[in-house]
Protein backbone atom coordinates (compact mmCIF):
# COMPACT_ATOMS: atom_id res chain seq x y z
CA UNK A 1 -52.12 26.61 -62.18
CA UNK A 2 -49.62 29.16 -63.47
CA UNK A 3 -48.80 32.35 -61.75
CA UNK A 4 -51.02 35.31 -62.69
CA UNK A 5 -48.99 37.79 -64.58
CA UNK A 6 -50.94 40.88 -62.89
CA UNK A 7 -50.20 39.18 -59.43
CA UNK A 8 -46.71 39.19 -60.01
CA UNK A 9 -46.79 42.76 -60.91
CA UNK A 10 -46.74 43.60 -57.17
CA UNK A 11 -43.67 41.70 -56.59
CA UNK A 12 -41.92 43.33 -59.77
CA UNK A 13 -42.86 46.54 -58.30
CA UNK A 14 -40.37 46.17 -55.27
CA UNK A 15 -37.58 44.45 -57.18
CA UNK A 16 -35.98 43.28 -60.55
CA UNK A 17 -37.81 40.08 -61.40
CA UNK A 18 -37.55 37.83 -64.28
CA UNK A 19 -40.26 35.30 -64.76
CA UNK A 20 -40.41 32.22 -66.84
CA UNK A 21 -43.24 29.48 -67.23
CA UNK A 22 -40.85 26.83 -67.70
CA UNK A 23 -36.97 26.55 -67.17
CA UNK A 24 -34.30 23.91 -66.42
CA UNK A 25 -32.86 25.66 -63.33
CA UNK A 26 -33.69 29.01 -61.90
CA UNK A 27 -30.06 29.07 -60.43
CA UNK A 28 -28.50 28.70 -63.87
CA UNK A 29 -30.70 31.62 -65.01
CA UNK A 30 -29.76 33.75 -61.92
CA UNK A 31 -26.05 32.94 -62.16
CA UNK A 32 -26.28 34.20 -65.86
CA UNK A 33 -28.24 37.31 -64.76
CA UNK A 34 -25.35 37.94 -62.42
CA UNK A 35 -22.94 37.83 -65.03
CA UNK A 36 -25.14 40.59 -66.75
CA UNK A 37 -25.22 42.61 -63.88
CA UNK A 38 -28.19 41.83 -61.79
CA UNK A 39 -28.72 43.92 -58.62
CA UNK A 40 -28.77 42.44 -54.93
CA UNK A 41 -32.47 41.70 -54.22
CA UNK A 42 -33.23 40.50 -57.77
CA UNK A 43 -35.39 37.18 -58.27
CA UNK A 44 -35.78 34.54 -60.77
CA UNK A 45 -38.76 32.73 -60.63
CA UNK A 46 -40.61 29.74 -62.67
CA UNK A 47 -43.75 27.81 -62.48
CA UNK A 48 -42.03 24.73 -63.65
CA UNK A 49 -38.66 23.42 -63.26
CA UNK A 50 -37.08 20.48 -65.30
CA UNK A 51 -33.46 20.09 -64.03
CA UNK A 52 -33.13 21.87 -60.81
CA UNK A 53 -29.88 21.56 -59.22
CA UNK A 54 -29.63 20.18 -55.67
CA UNK A 55 -26.47 19.16 -53.46
CA UNK A 56 -23.95 16.75 -54.47
CA UNK A 57 -25.03 17.25 -58.33
CA UNK A 58 -28.38 15.85 -57.86
CA UNK A 59 -31.30 16.73 -60.47
CA UNK A 60 -34.71 16.99 -59.79
CA UNK A 61 -38.13 18.59 -61.37
CA UNK A 62 -41.31 20.23 -60.14
CA UNK A 63 -44.27 19.97 -62.27
CA UNK A 64 -46.10 23.26 -63.11
CA UNK A 65 -48.21 24.84 -60.34
CA UNK A 66 -46.88 22.59 -57.56
CA UNK A 67 -44.31 24.49 -55.90
CA UNK A 68 -42.55 27.91 -55.40
CA UNK A 69 -39.50 27.79 -57.48
CA UNK A 70 -37.09 30.76 -57.24
CA UNK A 71 -33.76 32.09 -56.86
CA UNK A 72 -32.89 35.21 -54.72
CA UNK A 73 -29.97 37.07 -55.47
CA UNK A 74 -28.06 38.96 -53.11
CA UNK A 75 -24.49 40.40 -52.01
CA UNK A 76 -23.10 38.99 -48.60
CA UNK A 77 -19.91 40.11 -47.36
CA UNK A 78 -17.45 37.32 -48.67
CA UNK A 79 -16.61 36.04 -45.10
CA UNK A 80 -20.66 35.44 -44.65
CA UNK A 81 -21.29 33.55 -48.16
CA UNK A 82 -21.42 30.23 -46.34
CA UNK A 83 -24.21 31.58 -44.07
CA UNK A 84 -26.50 31.58 -47.45
CA UNK A 85 -28.34 28.39 -46.68
CA UNK A 86 -28.76 29.75 -43.06
CA UNK A 87 -30.55 32.71 -44.38
CA UNK A 88 -32.74 30.66 -46.83
CA UNK A 89 -33.63 27.92 -44.41
CA UNK A 90 -34.65 30.42 -41.70
CA UNK A 91 -36.86 32.26 -44.16
CA UNK A 92 -38.78 29.20 -45.00
CA UNK A 93 -39.18 28.26 -41.44
CA UNK A 94 -40.59 31.62 -40.31
CA UNK A 95 -43.15 31.72 -43.28
CA UNK A 96 -44.33 28.23 -42.47
CA UNK A 97 -44.73 29.39 -38.71
CA UNK A 98 -46.54 32.48 -39.75
CA UNK A 99 -48.89 30.42 -41.77
CA UNK A 100 -49.69 28.23 -38.78
CA UNK A 101 -47.55 25.15 -39.74
CA UNK A 102 -46.50 22.89 -36.74
CA UNK A 103 -43.45 20.67 -36.45
CA UNK A 104 -41.07 22.52 -38.91
CA UNK A 105 -37.46 22.05 -38.37
CA UNK A 106 -34.48 22.40 -40.32
CA UNK A 107 -32.32 19.28 -41.35
CA UNK A 108 -28.56 20.28 -41.47
CA UNK A 109 -27.41 21.74 -43.98
CA UNK A 110 -30.17 22.78 -46.32
CA UNK A 111 -33.34 21.21 -45.97
CA UNK A 112 -36.52 22.43 -44.30
CA UNK A 113 -38.84 19.57 -42.83
CA UNK A 114 -42.46 19.07 -41.67
CA UNK A 115 -42.74 16.27 -39.33
CA UNK A 116 -39.35 15.00 -40.46
CA UNK A 117 -40.64 15.18 -44.24
CA UNK A 118 -38.67 17.30 -46.69
CA UNK A 119 -40.74 20.63 -47.50
CA UNK A 120 -38.19 22.69 -48.93
CA UNK A 121 -34.61 22.40 -50.48
CA UNK A 122 -32.09 25.25 -50.91
CA UNK A 123 -28.95 25.57 -52.92
CA UNK A 124 -26.64 28.40 -52.67
CA UNK A 125 -24.10 29.07 -55.48
CA UNK A 126 -21.53 32.10 -55.53
CA UNK A 127 -20.19 33.93 -58.34
CA UNK A 128 -17.81 36.98 -58.72
CA UNK A 129 -18.53 39.34 -61.24
CA UNK A 130 -16.81 42.77 -61.82
CA UNK A 131 -14.73 42.22 -58.54
CA UNK A 132 -17.89 41.51 -56.65
CA UNK A 133 -19.14 38.19 -55.20
CA UNK A 134 -22.98 37.52 -55.29
CA UNK A 135 -25.00 34.50 -54.44
CA UNK A 136 -27.92 32.71 -56.16
CA UNK A 137 -29.81 31.35 -53.28
CA UNK A 138 -32.05 28.86 -55.01
CA UNK A 139 -35.29 27.66 -53.08
CA UNK A 140 -37.64 25.00 -54.06
CA UNK A 141 -40.71 24.97 -51.79
CA UNK A 142 -43.31 22.24 -52.17
CA UNK A 143 -46.80 24.07 -52.04
CA UNK A 144 -49.33 22.17 -53.78
CA UNK A 145 -48.25 18.31 -54.03
CA UNK A 146 -50.07 15.34 -52.84
CA UNK A 147 -47.32 12.83 -52.05
CA UNK A 148 -49.71 10.25 -50.66
CA UNK A 149 -49.52 6.97 -52.62
CA UNK A 150 -46.29 8.20 -54.41
CA UNK A 151 -42.48 7.02 -53.87
CA UNK A 152 -41.96 10.11 -51.87
CA UNK A 153 -44.98 9.63 -49.46
CA UNK A 154 -42.66 8.80 -46.39
CA UNK A 155 -39.90 11.46 -47.41
CA UNK A 156 -41.62 14.41 -48.67
CA UNK A 157 -44.52 16.85 -47.73
CA UNK A 158 -45.96 20.17 -49.09
CA UNK A 159 -47.33 23.20 -47.45
CA UNK A 160 -50.85 22.50 -48.26
CA UNK A 161 -50.80 18.95 -46.94
CA UNK A 162 -49.16 20.33 -43.47
CA UNK A 163 -51.92 23.08 -43.25
CA UNK A 164 -54.84 21.10 -44.49
CA UNK A 165 -55.74 23.97 -46.88
CA UNK A 166 -55.25 25.83 -49.88
CA UNK A 167 -52.58 28.64 -49.91
CA UNK A 168 -51.90 31.51 -52.41
CA UNK A 169 -48.42 30.95 -54.00
CA UNK A 170 -47.92 34.66 -54.65
CA UNK A 171 -48.96 35.53 -51.02
CA UNK A 172 -46.41 32.96 -49.74
CA UNK A 173 -43.76 34.46 -52.04
CA UNK A 174 -44.35 37.73 -50.84
CA UNK A 175 -43.87 36.57 -47.20
CA UNK A 176 -40.83 34.66 -48.16
CA UNK A 177 -39.28 37.90 -50.04
CA UNK A 178 -40.01 39.93 -46.76
CA UNK A 179 -37.97 37.49 -44.68
CA UNK A 180 -35.06 36.89 -47.09
CA UNK A 181 -34.68 40.90 -47.20
CA UNK A 182 -34.71 41.00 -43.47
CA UNK A 183 -32.16 38.55 -43.07
CA UNK A 184 -29.64 39.20 -45.55
CA UNK A 185 -29.45 42.67 -44.20
CA UNK A 186 -28.29 40.94 -41.05
CA UNK A 187 -26.30 38.14 -42.31
CA UNK A 188 -23.40 38.99 -40.16
CA UNK A 189 -25.58 39.09 -37.05
CA UNK A 190 -25.58 36.77 -34.14
CA UNK A 191 -29.35 37.04 -34.04
CA UNK A 192 -29.50 35.08 -37.46
CA UNK A 193 -27.37 32.43 -36.14
CA UNK A 194 -29.23 31.88 -32.94
CA UNK A 195 -32.75 31.79 -34.86
CA UNK A 196 -31.47 29.14 -37.48
CA UNK A 197 -29.74 27.24 -34.56
CA UNK A 198 -32.92 27.06 -32.65
CA UNK A 199 -34.59 25.27 -35.52
CA UNK A 200 -32.25 22.60 -36.04
CA UNK A 201 -33.77 19.35 -35.65
CA UNK A 202 -30.72 16.91 -35.11
CA UNK A 203 -28.72 18.21 -32.37
CA UNK A 204 -28.05 15.73 -29.60
CA UNK A 205 -28.77 13.07 -32.04
CA UNK A 206 -26.47 10.21 -33.55
CA UNK A 207 -26.01 11.33 -37.13
CA UNK A 208 -23.99 9.97 -40.18
CA UNK A 209 -22.82 12.57 -42.80
CA UNK A 210 -21.87 11.77 -46.35
CA UNK A 211 -19.63 14.76 -47.39
CA UNK A 212 -19.27 13.53 -50.92
CA UNK A 213 -15.77 12.04 -50.38
CA UNK A 214 -16.25 10.28 -47.05
CA UNK A 215 -18.86 9.30 -44.40
CA UNK A 216 -18.41 10.43 -41.04
CA UNK A 217 -20.71 9.96 -37.90
CA UNK A 218 -21.09 10.83 -34.18
CA UNK A 219 -23.39 13.10 -32.14
CA UNK A 220 -24.48 16.31 -33.45
CA UNK A 221 -23.15 18.14 -30.38
CA UNK A 222 -23.45 21.74 -31.78
CA UNK A 223 -23.22 24.18 -34.45
CA UNK A 224 -20.64 27.00 -35.02
CA UNK A 225 -21.54 30.54 -36.36
CA UNK A 226 -19.65 29.76 -39.60
CA UNK A 227 -22.50 26.87 -40.21
CA UNK A 228 -20.26 24.04 -39.37
CA UNK A 229 -21.71 21.18 -37.46
CA UNK A 230 -19.70 19.85 -34.57
CA UNK A 231 -19.49 15.95 -34.25
CA UNK A 232 -18.64 14.41 -31.04
CA UNK A 233 -17.06 10.94 -31.27
CA UNK A 234 -17.23 7.89 -28.81
CA UNK A 235 -13.53 8.37 -28.07
CA UNK A 236 -13.97 12.01 -26.86
CA UNK A 237 -12.78 13.57 -29.72
CA UNK A 238 -14.84 16.21 -31.92
CA UNK A 239 -14.70 17.10 -35.87
CA UNK A 240 -16.23 19.99 -37.76
CA UNK A 241 -18.17 19.23 -40.74
CA UNK A 242 -19.26 22.17 -42.86
CA UNK A 243 -21.76 20.25 -45.21
CA UNK A 244 -22.71 17.05 -46.46
CA UNK A 245 -25.78 14.82 -46.62
CA UNK A 246 -27.10 13.91 -43.34
CA UNK A 247 -28.83 10.93 -42.05
CA UNK A 248 -30.47 11.07 -38.34
CA UNK A 249 -30.48 7.91 -36.49
CA UNK A 250 -31.84 8.85 -33.15
């Protein structure tokens, strides 16, 4: 079911909005919009995404009416750009919790999970235009997908599956934007970092991380305000890893 244009007018009343029934990637549209002069707080939204971008160059699509697919544009201080996925993940977690979802956690660095199953993916991309750096914060949030009896049954979930009831995508979008607005104004705060850290689900566990060029493993002992993960090795040494694909073993 497509978004009702009349319903989206309530969103457009509070921020610049570009809505498309079908696109390849909202991040691509948002980056182009930034180069045209998009203001902070602007939103690119679609009902169906054919070639969304994920981490490490992955591509994925979402059928019409099944997900919340958007890119939020904002302008953090350059030194806090790396907190962008922190911002997006925390906002999604808070929306899920407000709706009554249980066992919601953040899998470092950019996935929100429900009972260990992927509920939402986040991709932040930065671009500089007119001497100002802005971020396109892409969010792909599974809303109305039944993954049972599919190849993703044991790896993905949707919000309606978790809640056991229907939700209104426009209401979820409105809630999400409120949390994104709230936290982007506090991107430099320790409160953002502490709230994000409290929802991480892999601290204290043995993990393996594919950084795109190498694989490192150890105990996920802590995270730093920059967003870096601190790995503790058996020989007593530690290593900082800023991002990568993470597998949790125990």
